[in-house]
Amino acid sequence: MDGRPPTALGLAMSVAMLACGGEQAGSAPHGDERIEALALEEIGVVSTMGAAEGADPRSLLQKPLDAAFVGEHVAILDASAPWIRVFDRRGGLVRAIAGEGEGPAEALRPYTLSGAANGDLLLTHSLGVTRFDEQGAVVHAMRGGLRARGAVEACGGQHAVLLVDSELPRSAAVVRFRLNGGELRDTIAVLSPVRSSGRNYHPWFVEATADRLLFYSEEERAGRLLEIACDGRDMSELPVDSLGRGELIEGLDSGDGSRRISVRGPLPPFPAGLATVRGRILWSARVVEGTDSLTVITALEDGGGRRLRIKGWYQLLDADETGALLISNTWTLGQNWAYGASWGLVPAVHIVDGDALLSALDEMTPRSAP
């Protein structure tokens, strides 16, 4: 269940090669190297989904892209069709839904998955946003050039959707749609410019309630989480530690009068997820320190003073009211979903004891006296 590649030095070299222009892979400016790094198993893995082949071969995952708690089940968005795999909390496959295609119950190029209060699922993909019930039937769909980056149920049961336009620098807006997928209701936040092609590397990190959204803005020059009320009123802004440069797209002169496009991969530290456990906001980043690949989880409610370092690269995907966390051990380097598998990584999603994680975080970095 380890999220580590055999050697993080090889990873750092690979990232640097993807950057191609002499840029070096960055390391996290956390300044907390003195804090001991723990294995995820030392914190408390309750169960694992996707790592063991069962009677149904769909119980194995190619690469988890996103995941959400749905009642007593866990729904995982995988990089291979059928896109959504539903597991019980012991790790057994219950069903697989959302096949590949352009039909009503199908999708192409999935991006994010989130759960709704009644057990439905919101799948964001290249064709738009589709709402499924847990059995896989389509409740309704919003299609037609939405360019949606992600969708959640918020704001009194409506959909809050992050839309990204196609211009450079890329701008984005968070909008509310009617529950039945009807006309655009209103825009509650505008972001610009945002990192290019961020959805190629991770889902939209967002949490929603009936009256507010908390999300990673992914703006080029602002490392922050935004908490915004459904009426569009800014509520708060939480800074996060500096992240590495995002994907860089440049137009280059080929020397013969023609132009070509150069795409440079992102550099670490990479954003790696957002979750709220027992009212505490946790932010995660994947870092490279020397020859080690680490995941740093920061509690933001105390100004970021408490951090937990975990051996390997992981991603926070969701949390529920019981304190359980969903954490995946897979990650994307550019568009190469098979990168981790080539190093023997078995793609999986773990249910982790969130209370144990908070205890470990507090023990590792006690709160400073006022």
Protein backbone atom coordinates (compact mmCIF):
# COMPACT_ATOMS: atom_id res chain seq x y z
CA MET A 1 0.00 0.00 0.00
CA ASP A 2 3.06 2.25 -0.15
CA GLY A 3 2.67 5.35 -2.29
CA ARG A 4 6.38 5.68 -2.94
CA PRO A 5 8.19 5.02 -6.20
CA PRO A 6 11.34 2.90 -5.68
CA THR A 7 13.48 6.00 -5.82
CA ALA A 8 12.38 9.59 -5.51
CA LEU A 9 15.71 10.67 -7.00
CA GLY A 10 14.61 9.07 -10.25
CA LEU A 11 11.34 10.97 -9.97
CA ALA A 12 13.10 14.28 -9.42
CA MET A 13 15.29 13.64 -12.46
CA SER A 14 12.24 12.73 -14.54
CA VAL A 15 10.40 15.88 -13.52
CA ALA A 16 13.46 17.95 -14.38
CA MET A 17 13.68 16.28 -17.78
CA LEU A 18 10.02 17.03 -18.44
CA ALA A 19 10.71 20.66 -17.65
CA CYS A 20 13.34 20.61 -20.45
CA GLY A 21 14.98 23.99 -20.37
CA GLY A 22 17.38 23.52 -17.51
CA GLU A 23 14.78 24.21 -14.84
CA GLN A 24 15.24 22.19 -11.71
CA ALA A 25 12.56 20.43 -9.75
CA GLY A 26 11.73 22.44 -6.64
CA SER A 27 11.41 21.30 -3.06
CA ALA A 28 8.89 22.41 -0.48
CA PRO A 29 9.72 25.59 1.43
CA HIS A 30 8.20 24.08 4.56
CA GLY A 31 11.31 24.26 6.69
CA ASP A 32 10.09 21.27 8.73
CA GLU A 33 12.65 18.65 7.75
CA ARG A 34 13.17 18.01 11.46
CA ILE A 35 9.67 16.46 11.68
CA GLU A 36 9.80 12.70 11.34
CA ALA A 37 8.08 11.25 8.26
CA LEU A 38 5.63 8.42 8.96
CA ALA A 39 4.40 5.61 6.73
CA LEU A 40 0.69 5.80 6.00
CA GLU A 41 0.22 2.40 7.66
CA GLU A 42 1.61 3.83 10.90
CA ILE A 43 -1.21 6.36 10.97
CA GLY A 44 -4.12 4.00 10.44
CA VAL A 45 -5.33 2.45 7.18
CA VAL A 46 -8.83 1.05 7.76
CA SER A 47 -9.32 -0.61 4.36
CA THR A 48 -8.07 -0.50 0.78
CA MET A 49 -9.90 -0.49 -2.56
CA GLY A 50 -8.44 -1.42 -5.92
CA ALA A 51 -5.25 -3.18 -4.86
CA ALA A 52 -6.55 -6.76 -4.76
CA GLU A 53 -8.15 -8.56 -7.67
CA GLY A 54 -11.52 -10.05 -6.80
CA ALA A 55 -13.98 -12.14 -8.75
CA ASP A 56 -14.66 -9.09 -10.92
CA PRO A 57 -11.56 -7.77 -12.75
CA ARG A 58 -13.03 -4.25 -12.51
CA SER A 59 -12.06 -4.29 -8.84
CA LEU A 60 -8.54 -3.41 -10.03
CA LEU A 61 -7.85 0.23 -10.87
CA GLN A 62 -5.65 1.76 -13.56
CA LYS A 63 -5.33 5.12 -11.77
CA PRO A 64 -7.78 6.67 -9.33
CA LEU A 65 -8.54 10.22 -10.48
CA ASP A 66 -10.99 11.15 -7.74
CA ALA A 67 -13.18 9.52 -5.08
CA ALA A 68 -16.09 10.34 -2.78
CA PHE A 69 -17.92 8.82 0.16
CA VAL A 70 -21.51 7.95 -0.78
CA GLY A 71 -23.37 6.72 2.29
CA GLU A 72 -21.90 3.35 3.24
CA HIS A 73 -20.05 3.09 -0.06
CA VAL A 74 -17.03 4.66 -1.72
CA ALA A 75 -17.24 5.76 -5.37
CA ILE A 76 -13.93 5.93 -7.23
CA LEU A 77 -13.33 7.66 -10.56
CA ASP A 78 -10.79 5.61 -12.46
CA ALA A 79 -8.74 6.38 -15.57
CA SER A 80 -10.17 3.31 -17.31
CA ALA A 81 -13.78 2.60 -18.28
CA PRO A 82 -16.25 1.96 -16.78
CA TRP A 83 -15.20 5.19 -15.14
CA ILE A 84 -16.97 4.90 -11.77
CA ARG A 85 -16.33 1.91 -9.47
CA VAL A 86 -18.46 1.66 -6.33
CA PHE A 87 -16.96 -0.26 -3.38
CA ASP A 88 -18.21 -1.14 0.07
CA ARG A 89 -16.13 0.19 2.94
CA ARG A 90 -14.37 -3.15 3.37
CA GLY A 91 -12.94 -2.87 -0.15
CA GLY A 92 -15.32 -5.13 -2.07
CA LEU A 93 -16.57 -4.05 -5.50
CA VAL A 94 -20.33 -3.41 -5.55
CA ARG A 95 -20.84 -2.20 -9.12
CA ALA A 96 -19.24 -0.29 -12.00
CA ILE A 97 -21.10 2.44 -13.91
CA ALA A 98 -20.55 5.13 -16.57
CA GLY A 99 -19.08 3.44 -19.63
CA GLU A 100 -16.96 5.07 -22.31
CA GLY A 101 -18.85 6.80 -25.11
CA GLU A 102 -21.19 9.65 -25.96
CA GLY A 103 -24.45 8.03 -24.88
CA PRO A 104 -26.64 9.42 -22.06
CA ALA A 105 -25.10 7.14 -19.41
CA GLU A 106 -21.57 7.35 -20.85
CA ALA A 107 -18.70 9.79 -20.66
CA LEU A 108 -15.41 10.71 -22.32
CA ARG A 109 -12.24 11.91 -20.57
CA PRO A 110 -13.48 12.07 -16.98
CA TYR A 111 -12.08 14.77 -14.69
CA THR A 112 -13.77 14.77 -11.28
CA LEU A 113 -16.35 12.94 -9.17
CA SER A 114 -18.34 14.19 -6.18
CA GLY A 115 -21.20 12.90 -4.07
CA ALA A 116 -24.59 14.52 -3.47
CA ALA A 117 -26.59 14.47 -0.26
CA ASN A 118 -29.12 11.91 -1.52
CA GLY A 119 -26.45 9.45 -2.70
CA ASP A 120 -26.28 10.64 -6.32
CA LEU A 121 -22.94 11.17 -8.08
CA LEU A 122 -21.77 14.15 -10.13
CA LEU A 123 -19.33 13.20 -12.88
CA THR A 124 -17.48 15.95 -14.73
CA HIS A 125 -16.05 14.91 -18.10
CA SER A 126 -15.15 16.37 -21.48
CA LEU A 127 -18.80 16.33 -22.63
CA GLY A 128 -20.12 18.20 -19.59
CA VAL A 129 -21.56 17.18 -16.21
CA THR A 130 -23.74 14.10 -15.64
CA ARG A 131 -25.68 13.32 -12.47
CA PHE A 132 -26.10 9.57 -11.84
CA ASP A 133 -27.97 7.79 -9.12
CA GLU A 134 -25.83 5.20 -7.36
CA GLN A 135 -27.24 2.41 -9.55
CA GLY A 136 -25.90 4.17 -12.67
CA ALA A 137 -29.12 5.67 -14.06
CA VAL A 138 -28.85 9.22 -15.40
CA VAL A 139 -30.78 11.73 -13.30
CA HIS A 140 -29.92 14.56 -15.68
CA ALA A 141 -26.99 15.88 -17.71
CA MET A 142 -25.57 19.26 -18.65
CA ARG A 143 -23.72 19.16 -21.95
CA GLY A 144 -22.88 21.43 -24.82
CA GLY A 145 -19.45 23.04 -24.56
CA LEU A 146 -19.47 23.70 -20.82
CA ARG A 147 -15.71 23.23 -20.43
CA ALA A 148 -16.41 22.23 -16.84
CA ARG A 149 -13.45 21.53 -14.60
CA GLY A 150 -15.47 20.11 -11.73
CA ALA A 151 -18.91 20.11 -10.12
CA VAL A 152 -20.29 19.76 -6.60
CA GLU A 153 -23.72 19.98 -4.99
CA ALA A 154 -23.89 23.17 -2.97
CA CYS A 155 -25.88 26.33 -2.39
CA GLY A 156 -29.19 24.76 -1.40
CA GLY A 157 -29.01 21.70 -3.63
CA GLN A 158 -27.84 23.42 -6.80
CA HIS A 159 -24.73 22.58 -8.78
CA ALA A 160 -21.65 24.75 -8.35
CA VAL A 161 -19.43 24.30 -11.41
CA LEU A 162 -15.96 25.60 -12.18
CA LEU A 163 -15.75 26.63 -15.85
CA VAL A 164 -12.46 27.34 -17.62
CA ASP A 165 -12.30 29.25 -20.89
CA SER A 166 -9.93 28.53 -23.78
CA GLU A 167 -8.08 31.83 -23.92
CA LEU A 168 -4.56 32.49 -22.64
CA PRO A 169 -4.06 33.48 -19.92
CA ARG A 170 -6.84 31.10 -18.99
CA SER A 171 -9.60 32.53 -16.85
CA ALA A 172 -12.13 30.64 -14.78
CA ALA A 173 -15.47 31.23 -13.10
CA VAL A 174 -17.46 29.40 -10.45
CA VAL A 175 -21.15 29.38 -11.39
CA ARG A 176 -24.40 27.96 -10.04
CA PHE A 177 -26.72 25.90 -12.23
CA ARG A 178 -30.28 24.96 -11.47
CA LEU A 179 -30.70 21.49 -10.01
CA ASN A 180 -32.42 20.23 -13.19
CA GLY A 181 -29.47 21.26 -15.33
CA GLY A 182 -31.28 24.25 -16.77
CA GLU A 183 -30.11 27.75 -17.53
CA LEU A 184 -27.08 29.41 -15.98
CA ARG A 185 -28.14 30.91 -12.64
CA ASP A 186 -25.30 33.22 -11.68
CA THR A 187 -21.55 33.63 -11.31
CA ILE A 188 -20.29 33.64 -7.74
CA ALA A 189 -16.51 33.92 -8.31
CA VAL A 190 -14.15 34.87 -11.13
CA LEU A 191 -10.51 33.75 -11.18
CA SER A 192 -7.82 34.89 -13.57
CA PRO A 193 -5.35 33.86 -14.71
CA VAL A 194 -5.36 30.20 -13.74
CA ARG A 195 -2.75 27.54 -14.40
CA SER A 196 -2.93 25.94 -17.81
CA SER A 197 -4.35 22.42 -18.11
CA GLY A 198 -4.46 21.85 -14.37
CA ARG A 199 -7.18 19.22 -14.77
CA ASN A 200 -4.59 17.02 -16.51
CA TYR A 201 -2.81 16.61 -13.18
CA HIS A 202 -5.43 16.61 -10.42
CA PRO A 203 -9.17 17.14 -9.86
CA TRP A 204 -10.77 20.38 -8.68
CA PHE A 205 -10.04 20.50 -4.96
CA VAL A 206 -13.32 21.75 -3.51
CA GLU A 207 -15.63 21.21 -0.55
CA ALA A 208 -19.20 22.41 -0.42
CA THR A 209 -21.99 22.92 2.10
CA ALA A 210 -25.47 24.38 1.75
CA ASP A 211 -24.17 27.94 2.04
CA ARG A 212 -20.51 28.08 1.01
CA LEU A 213 -17.68 26.72 -1.14
CA LEU A 214 -14.09 26.14 -0.07
CA PHE A 215 -11.72 25.50 -2.95
CA TYR A 216 -8.17 25.74 -4.24
CA SER A 217 -8.18 28.60 -6.74
CA GLU A 218 -5.19 27.34 -8.75
CA GLU A 219 -4.31 30.80 -9.92
CA GLU A 220 -0.87 31.31 -11.43
CA ARG A 221 0.39 33.80 -8.87
CA ALA A 222 -1.72 33.08 -5.80
CA GLY A 223 -1.32 30.07 -3.52
CA ARG A 224 -4.61 30.14 -1.65
CA LEU A 225 -7.86 28.48 -0.72
CA LEU A 226 -10.98 30.61 -1.12
CA GLU A 227 -14.08 30.30 1.04
CA ILE A 228 -16.99 31.98 -0.73
CA ALA A 229 -20.64 32.21 0.26
CA CYS A 230 -23.28 31.18 -2.26
CA ASP A 231 -24.32 34.81 -2.67
CA GLY A 232 -20.85 35.56 -4.04
CA ARG A 233 -19.62 37.34 -0.93
CA ASP A 234 -15.97 36.62 -0.14
CA MET A 235 -15.78 35.05 3.30
CA SER A 236 -12.11 34.24 3.82
CA GLU A 237 -8.82 33.45 2.13
CA LEU A 238 -6.36 30.85 3.43
CA PRO A 239 -2.80 31.02 2.07
CA VAL A 240 -0.99 27.77 1.31
CA ASP A 241 2.74 27.20 1.00
CA SER A 242 4.38 28.04 -2.30
CA LEU A 243 3.83 25.48 -5.02
CA GLY A 244 6.02 24.66 -7.99
CA ARG A 245 5.41 26.12 -11.41
CA GLY A 246 2.40 24.72 -13.24
CA GLU A 247 2.40 23.38 -16.76
CA LEU A 248 4.04 25.89 -19.10
CA ILE A 249 3.01 26.26 -22.74
CA GLU A 250 5.27 28.42 -24.89
CA GLY A 251 5.50 29.39 -28.53
CA LEU A 252 9.07 28.97 -29.79
CA ASP A 253 10.84 30.11 -32.97
CA SER A 254 12.14 27.07 -34.87
CA GLY A 255 14.81 29.11 -36.67
CA ASP A 256 13.29 28.65 -40.12
CA GLY A 257 10.59 31.24 -39.70
CA SER A 258 8.03 28.78 -38.33
CA ARG A 259 6.73 28.55 -34.80
CA ARG A 260 6.30 25.49 -32.62
CA ILE A 261 4.68 24.84 -29.29
CA SER A 262 6.72 23.70 -26.31
CA VAL A 263 4.92 22.11 -23.35
CA ARG A 264 6.85 21.88 -20.11
CA GLY A 265 5.51 19.74 -17.33
CA PRO A 266 4.80 21.14 -13.85
CA LEU A 267 7.40 21.16 -11.10
CA PRO A 268 7.04 20.15 -7.44
CA PRO A 269 5.74 20.94 -4.89
CA PHE A 270 2.43 19.75 -6.37
CA PRO A 271 -1.01 20.46 -4.87
CA ALA A 272 -2.37 17.19 -3.49
CA GLY A 273 -5.78 17.67 -1.98
CA LEU A 274 -8.15 19.33 0.46
CA ALA A 275 -10.32 17.82 3.20
CA THR A 276 -12.02 18.89 6.41
CA VAL A 277 -11.85 16.46 9.34
CA ARG A 278 -13.59 17.28 12.63
CA GLY A 279 -13.84 20.90 11.53
CA ARG A 280 -10.13 21.17 10.76
CA ILE A 281 -9.10 22.12 7.23
CA LEU A 282 -6.29 19.95 5.89
CA TRP A 283 -4.24 20.91 2.83
CA SER A 284 -1.83 18.50 1.18
CA ALA A 285 1.19 18.94 -1.09
CA ARG A 286 3.55 16.42 -2.71
CA VAL A 287 7.18 17.41 -2.31
CA VAL A 288 10.66 16.20 -3.13
CA GLU A 289 13.30 16.59 -0.41
CA GLY A 290 16.71 15.29 -1.40
CA THR A 291 16.03 11.73 -2.55
CA ASP A 292 12.72 11.40 -0.70
CA SER A 293 9.21 11.79 -2.06
CA LEU A 294 6.92 13.02 0.73
CA THR A 295 3.37 14.18 1.24
CA VAL A 296 3.04 17.12 3.63
CA ILE A 297 -0.39 17.61 5.25
CA THR A 298 -0.92 21.01 6.85
CA ALA A 299 -3.69 22.00 9.27
CA LEU A 300 -4.72 25.46 8.12
CA GLU A 301 -7.06 26.39 10.96
CA ASP A 302 -4.13 27.38 13.17
CA GLY A 303 -2.32 29.41 10.52
CA GLY A 304 -0.51 26.43 9.04
CA GLY A 305 1.66 25.81 12.07
CA ARG A 306 0.95 22.08 12.28
CA ARG A 307 2.21 19.66 9.67
CA LEU A 308 2.44 15.92 9.17
CA ARG A 309 4.94 14.36 6.80
CA ILE A 310 4.04 11.04 5.15
CA LYS A 311 6.49 8.84 3.26
CA GLY A 312 5.53 8.64 -0.40
CA TRP A 313 3.15 10.56 -2.61
CA TYR A 314 -0.56 10.55 -1.80
CA GLN A 315 -3.62 12.66 -2.53
CA LEU A 316 -6.48 13.70 -0.23
CA LEU A 317 -9.79 13.01 -1.97
CA ASP A 318 -12.66 13.25 0.52
CA ALA A 319 -13.72 13.06 4.17
CA ASP A 320 -17.00 12.22 5.88
CA GLU A 321 -18.78 13.14 9.08
CA THR A 322 -17.32 10.12 10.92
CA GLY A 323 -13.79 11.44 10.46
CA ALA A 324 -12.84 8.92 7.77
CA LEU A 325 -10.52 10.09 4.98
CA LEU A 326 -10.11 8.89 1.40
CA ILE A 327 -6.47 8.96 0.28
CA SER A 328 -5.10 7.60 -3.00
CA ASN A 329 -1.53 6.47 -3.56
CA THR A 330 -1.41 7.41 -7.23
CA TRP A 331 -0.40 10.57 -8.98
CA THR A 332 0.06 11.91 -12.49
CA LEU A 333 3.30 13.15 -14.00
CA GLY A 334 2.14 15.08 -17.03
CA GLN A 335 -0.26 12.91 -19.02
CA ASN A 336 1.58 9.70 -18.11
CA TRP A 337 -0.88 7.73 -15.98
CA ALA A 338 1.34 4.65 -16.13
CA TYR A 339 4.33 6.33 -14.50
CA GLY A 340 3.74 4.93 -11.04
CA ALA A 341 2.78 1.50 -12.39
CA SER A 342 6.10 1.30 -14.23
CA TRP A 343 7.77 1.45 -10.81
CA GLY A 344 5.63 -1.31 -9.35
CA LEU A 345 3.04 0.96 -7.75
CA VAL A 346 -0.35 -0.75 -7.29
CA PRO A 347 -3.07 1.90 -7.76
CA ALA A 348 -5.36 2.05 -4.73
CA VAL A 349 -7.61 4.22 -2.59
CA HIS A 350 -7.37 3.87 1.19
CA ILE A 351 -9.85 4.70 3.91
CA VAL A 352 -7.72 6.27 6.64
CA ASP A 353 -8.67 6.95 10.25
CA GLY A 354 -8.89 10.75 10.23
CA ASP A 355 -8.87 10.98 14.02
CA ALA A 356 -5.61 9.03 14.12
CA LEU A 357 -4.17 11.30 11.44
CA LEU A 358 -5.10 14.40 13.44
CA SER A 359 -3.54 12.90 16.55
CA ALA A 360 -0.33 12.15 14.66
CA LEU A 361 -0.31 15.68 13.25
CA ASP A 362 -0.73 17.23 16.70
CA GLU A 363 1.90 14.96 18.23
CA MET A 364 4.43 15.75 15.53
CA THR A 365 3.93 19.52 15.66
CA PRO A 366 2.48 20.66 19.00
CA ARG A 367 0.69 24.01 18.90
CA SER A 368 2.96 26.85 19.94
CA ALA A 369 2.08 28.66 23.15
CA PRO A 370 0.60 32.12 22.57
